[in-house]
Amino acid sequence: MDTLEVFRKIDLDIRLNYNSKAEFGRKVGLNRKKISEFLKTLQKNCQGNDFNRLVRILEKAGYTITIEKINRD
């Protein structure tokens, strides 16, 4: 698991379930620009970011992070 995998899951969800990034942004409380910046950060997948560092440490300790969609309407 890394930020690129998280990006792919969120991007797919946006493409399948929303008409635009702006609509997704309204649901999560961010404007379209903030959503775009957030997605770009995830897509870059920098090895030094905190999430990727956390995942590497957890994997070495025998743990994994799983992301599942919560079905809320």
N, C-alpha and C. Protein backbone atom coordinates (compact mmCIF):
# COMPACT_ATOMS: atom_id res chain seq x y z
N MET A 1 0.86 -1.18 0.00
CA MET A 1 0.00 0.00 0.00
C MET A 1 0.89 1.23 0.00
N ASP A 2 0.60 2.16 -0.87
CA ASP A 2 1.28 3.45 -0.88
C ASP A 2 0.29 4.50 -1.38
N THR A 3 0.74 5.74 -1.47
CA THR A 3 -0.19 6.81 -1.84
C THR A 3 -0.70 6.66 -3.26
N LEU A 4 0.08 6.02 -4.14
CA LEU A 4 -0.40 5.81 -5.51
C LEU A 4 -1.60 4.86 -5.52
N GLU A 5 -1.56 3.83 -4.70
CA GLU A 5 -2.70 2.91 -4.59
C GLU A 5 -3.92 3.63 -4.02
N VAL A 6 -3.70 4.48 -3.03
CA VAL A 6 -4.80 5.27 -2.46
C VAL A 6 -5.37 6.18 -3.53
N PHE A 7 -4.48 6.83 -4.30
CA PHE A 7 -4.93 7.70 -5.40
C PHE A 7 -5.81 6.92 -6.37
N ARG A 8 -5.36 5.75 -6.78
CA ARG A 8 -6.12 4.95 -7.76
C ARG A 8 -7.51 4.60 -7.24
N LYS A 9 -7.62 4.25 -5.96
CA LYS A 9 -8.93 3.92 -5.38
C LYS A 9 -9.85 5.14 -5.36
N ILE A 10 -9.32 6.28 -4.92
CA ILE A 10 -10.15 7.49 -4.85
C ILE A 10 -10.51 7.97 -6.24
N ASP A 11 -9.55 7.95 -7.16
CA ASP A 11 -9.80 8.39 -8.53
C ASP A 11 -10.87 7.53 -9.19
N LEU A 12 -10.80 6.23 -9.01
CA LEU A 12 -11.81 5.33 -9.57
C LEU A 12 -13.18 5.62 -8.97
N ASP A 13 -13.23 5.83 -7.66
CA ASP A 13 -14.49 6.15 -6.99
C ASP A 13 -15.09 7.44 -7.56
N ILE A 14 -14.25 8.45 -7.76
CA ILE A 14 -14.74 9.71 -8.32
C ILE A 14 -15.30 9.49 -9.72
N ARG A 15 -14.56 8.74 -10.55
CA ARG A 15 -14.99 8.50 -11.94
C ARG A 15 -16.30 7.70 -12.01
N LEU A 16 -16.47 6.75 -11.11
CA LEU A 16 -17.65 5.88 -11.16
C LEU A 16 -18.88 6.47 -10.46
N ASN A 17 -18.67 7.25 -9.41
CA ASN A 17 -19.79 7.64 -8.56
C ASN A 17 -20.11 9.13 -8.51
N TYR A 18 -19.31 9.95 -9.16
CA TYR A 18 -19.53 11.40 -9.11
C TYR A 18 -19.44 11.97 -10.52
N ASN A 19 -20.13 13.08 -10.74
CA ASN A 19 -20.09 13.74 -12.04
C ASN A 19 -18.82 14.56 -12.21
N SER A 20 -18.18 14.93 -11.12
CA SER A 20 -16.98 15.77 -11.19
C SER A 20 -16.21 15.70 -9.87
N LYS A 21 -14.98 16.22 -9.92
CA LYS A 21 -14.19 16.33 -8.69
C LYS A 21 -14.84 17.32 -7.74
N ALA A 22 -15.49 18.34 -8.31
CA ALA A 22 -16.17 19.34 -7.48
C ALA A 22 -17.29 18.70 -6.67
N GLU A 23 -18.04 17.80 -7.29
CA GLU A 23 -19.13 17.11 -6.57
C GLU A 23 -18.54 16.25 -5.44
N PHE A 24 -17.47 15.54 -5.73
CA PHE A 24 -16.79 14.75 -4.70
C PHE A 24 -16.29 15.67 -3.58
N GLY A 25 -15.72 16.80 -3.97
CA GLY A 25 -15.21 17.77 -3.00
C GLY A 25 -16.28 18.27 -2.06
N ARG A 26 -17.46 18.54 -2.61
CA ARG A 26 -18.57 19.00 -1.76
C ARG A 26 -18.92 17.94 -0.72
N LYS A 27 -18.87 16.67 -1.12
CA LYS A 27 -19.21 15.60 -0.19
C LYS A 27 -18.19 15.51 0.96
N VAL A 28 -16.92 15.71 0.64
CA VAL A 28 -15.89 15.57 1.67
C VAL A 28 -15.49 16.89 2.32
N GLY A 29 -16.11 17.98 1.88
CA GLY A 29 -15.89 19.27 2.51
C GLY A 29 -14.69 20.05 2.00
N LEU A 30 -14.28 19.78 0.77
CA LEU A 30 -13.16 20.51 0.15
C LEU A 30 -13.60 21.06 -1.20
N ASN A 31 -12.99 22.18 -1.61
CA ASN A 31 -13.32 22.70 -2.93
C ASN A 31 -12.53 21.94 -4.00
N ARG A 32 -12.88 22.19 -5.26
CA ARG A 32 -12.28 21.45 -6.37
C ARG A 32 -10.76 21.61 -6.41
N LYS A 33 -10.28 22.81 -6.14
CA LYS A 33 -8.83 23.06 -6.16
C LYS A 33 -8.11 22.24 -5.10
N LYS A 34 -8.66 22.21 -3.90
CA LYS A 34 -8.04 21.43 -2.81
C LYS A 34 -8.05 19.94 -3.13
N ILE A 35 -9.15 19.46 -3.74
CA ILE A 35 -9.23 18.05 -4.14
C ILE A 35 -8.15 17.75 -5.17
N SER A 36 -8.00 18.63 -6.17
CA SER A 36 -6.97 18.42 -7.20
C SER A 36 -5.58 18.39 -6.60
N GLU A 37 -5.29 19.30 -5.68
CA GLU A 37 -3.98 19.33 -5.02
C GLU A 37 -3.75 18.05 -4.21
N PHE A 38 -4.79 17.61 -3.50
CA PHE A 38 -4.70 16.39 -2.70
C PHE A 38 -4.42 15.19 -3.59
N LEU A 39 -5.15 15.07 -4.70
CA LEU A 39 -4.96 13.94 -5.60
C LEU A 39 -3.57 13.96 -6.24
N LYS A 40 -3.07 15.14 -6.61
CA LYS A 40 -1.72 15.24 -7.18
C LYS A 40 -0.67 14.79 -6.17
N THR A 41 -0.85 15.17 -4.92
CA THR A 41 0.08 14.75 -3.87
C THR A 41 0.09 13.23 -3.73
N LEU A 42 -1.09 12.63 -3.74
CA LEU A 42 -1.17 11.17 -3.66
C LEU A 42 -0.52 10.52 -4.87
N GLN A 43 -0.79 11.07 -6.05
CA GLN A 43 -0.30 10.48 -7.30
C GLN A 43 1.22 10.53 -7.40
N LYS A 44 1.85 11.55 -6.83
CA LYS A 44 3.32 11.68 -6.89
C LYS A 44 4.02 10.53 -6.19
N ASN A 45 3.40 10.00 -5.14
CA ASN A 45 3.91 8.81 -4.44
C ASN A 45 5.34 8.99 -3.95
N CYS A 46 5.64 10.12 -3.35
CA CYS A 46 6.98 10.38 -2.81
C CYS A 46 7.29 9.40 -1.68
N GLN A 47 8.43 8.75 -1.77
CA GLN A 47 8.80 7.75 -0.77
C GLN A 47 9.00 8.35 0.62
N GLY A 48 9.32 9.64 0.69
CA GLY A 48 9.59 10.26 1.97
C GLY A 48 8.37 10.80 2.69
N ASN A 49 7.18 10.70 2.07
CA ASN A 49 6.02 11.27 2.77
C ASN A 49 5.63 10.40 3.96
N ASP A 50 4.92 11.00 4.88
CA ASP A 50 4.61 10.33 6.15
C ASP A 50 3.81 9.05 5.98
N PHE A 51 2.85 9.03 5.05
CA PHE A 51 2.03 7.84 4.86
C PHE A 51 2.88 6.68 4.37
N ASN A 52 3.69 6.94 3.34
CA ASN A 52 4.53 5.86 2.80
C ASN A 52 5.54 5.37 3.83
N ARG A 53 6.08 6.28 4.63
CA ARG A 53 7.02 5.90 5.69
C ARG A 53 6.30 5.01 6.72
N LEU A 54 5.10 5.40 7.11
CA LEU A 54 4.32 4.62 8.06
C LEU A 54 4.05 3.22 7.52
N VAL A 55 3.66 3.14 6.26
CA VAL A 55 3.36 1.84 5.64
C VAL A 55 4.61 0.95 5.64
N ARG A 56 5.75 1.50 5.28
CA ARG A 56 7.00 0.71 5.26
C ARG A 56 7.32 0.16 6.65
N ILE A 57 7.18 0.99 7.67
CA ILE A 57 7.45 0.55 9.04
C ILE A 57 6.48 -0.55 9.46
N LEU A 58 5.19 -0.34 9.17
CA LEU A 58 4.20 -1.35 9.54
C LEU A 58 4.44 -2.67 8.82
N GLU A 59 4.79 -2.60 7.53
CA GLU A 59 5.05 -3.83 6.78
C GLU A 59 6.24 -4.59 7.36
N LYS A 60 7.28 -3.87 7.76
CA LYS A 60 8.43 -4.53 8.37
C LYS A 60 8.07 -5.18 9.70
N ALA A 61 7.06 -4.62 10.38
CA ALA A 61 6.60 -5.18 11.65
C ALA A 61 5.54 -6.26 11.46
N GLY A 62 5.18 -6.53 10.20
CA GLY A 62 4.22 -7.60 9.92
C GLY A 62 2.78 -7.15 9.81
N TYR A 63 2.55 -5.86 9.62
CA TYR A 63 1.19 -5.32 9.51
C TYR A 63 0.94 -4.80 8.10
N THR A 64 -0.33 -4.63 7.78
CA THR A 64 -0.71 -4.04 6.50
C THR A 64 -1.89 -3.09 6.72
N ILE A 65 -2.01 -2.12 5.85
CA ILE A 65 -3.14 -1.20 5.89
C ILE A 65 -4.07 -1.55 4.75
N THR A 66 -5.36 -1.66 5.04
CA THR A 66 -6.36 -1.96 4.03
C THR A 66 -7.37 -0.82 4.00
N ILE A 67 -7.73 -0.40 2.79
CA ILE A 67 -8.71 0.66 2.63
C ILE A 67 -9.96 0.05 2.01
N GLU A 68 -11.09 0.23 2.69
CA GLU A 68 -12.37 -0.29 2.22
C GLU A 68 -13.37 0.84 2.15
N LYS A 69 -14.24 0.79 1.17
CA LYS A 69 -15.30 1.79 1.00
C LYS A 69 -16.39 1.53 2.02
N ILE A 70 -16.78 2.57 2.74
CA ILE A 70 -17.90 2.50 3.68
C ILE A 70 -19.14 2.90 2.90
N ASN A 71 -20.14 2.07 2.89
CA ASN A 71 -21.36 2.37 2.14
C ASN A 71 -22.31 3.20 2.98
N ARG A 72 -22.18 4.51 2.85
CA ARG A 72 -23.07 5.44 3.54
C ARG A 72 -23.79 6.26 2.49
N ASP A 73 -25.05 6.47 2.71
CA ASP A 73 -25.82 7.30 1.77
C ASP A 73 -26.18 8.61 2.37
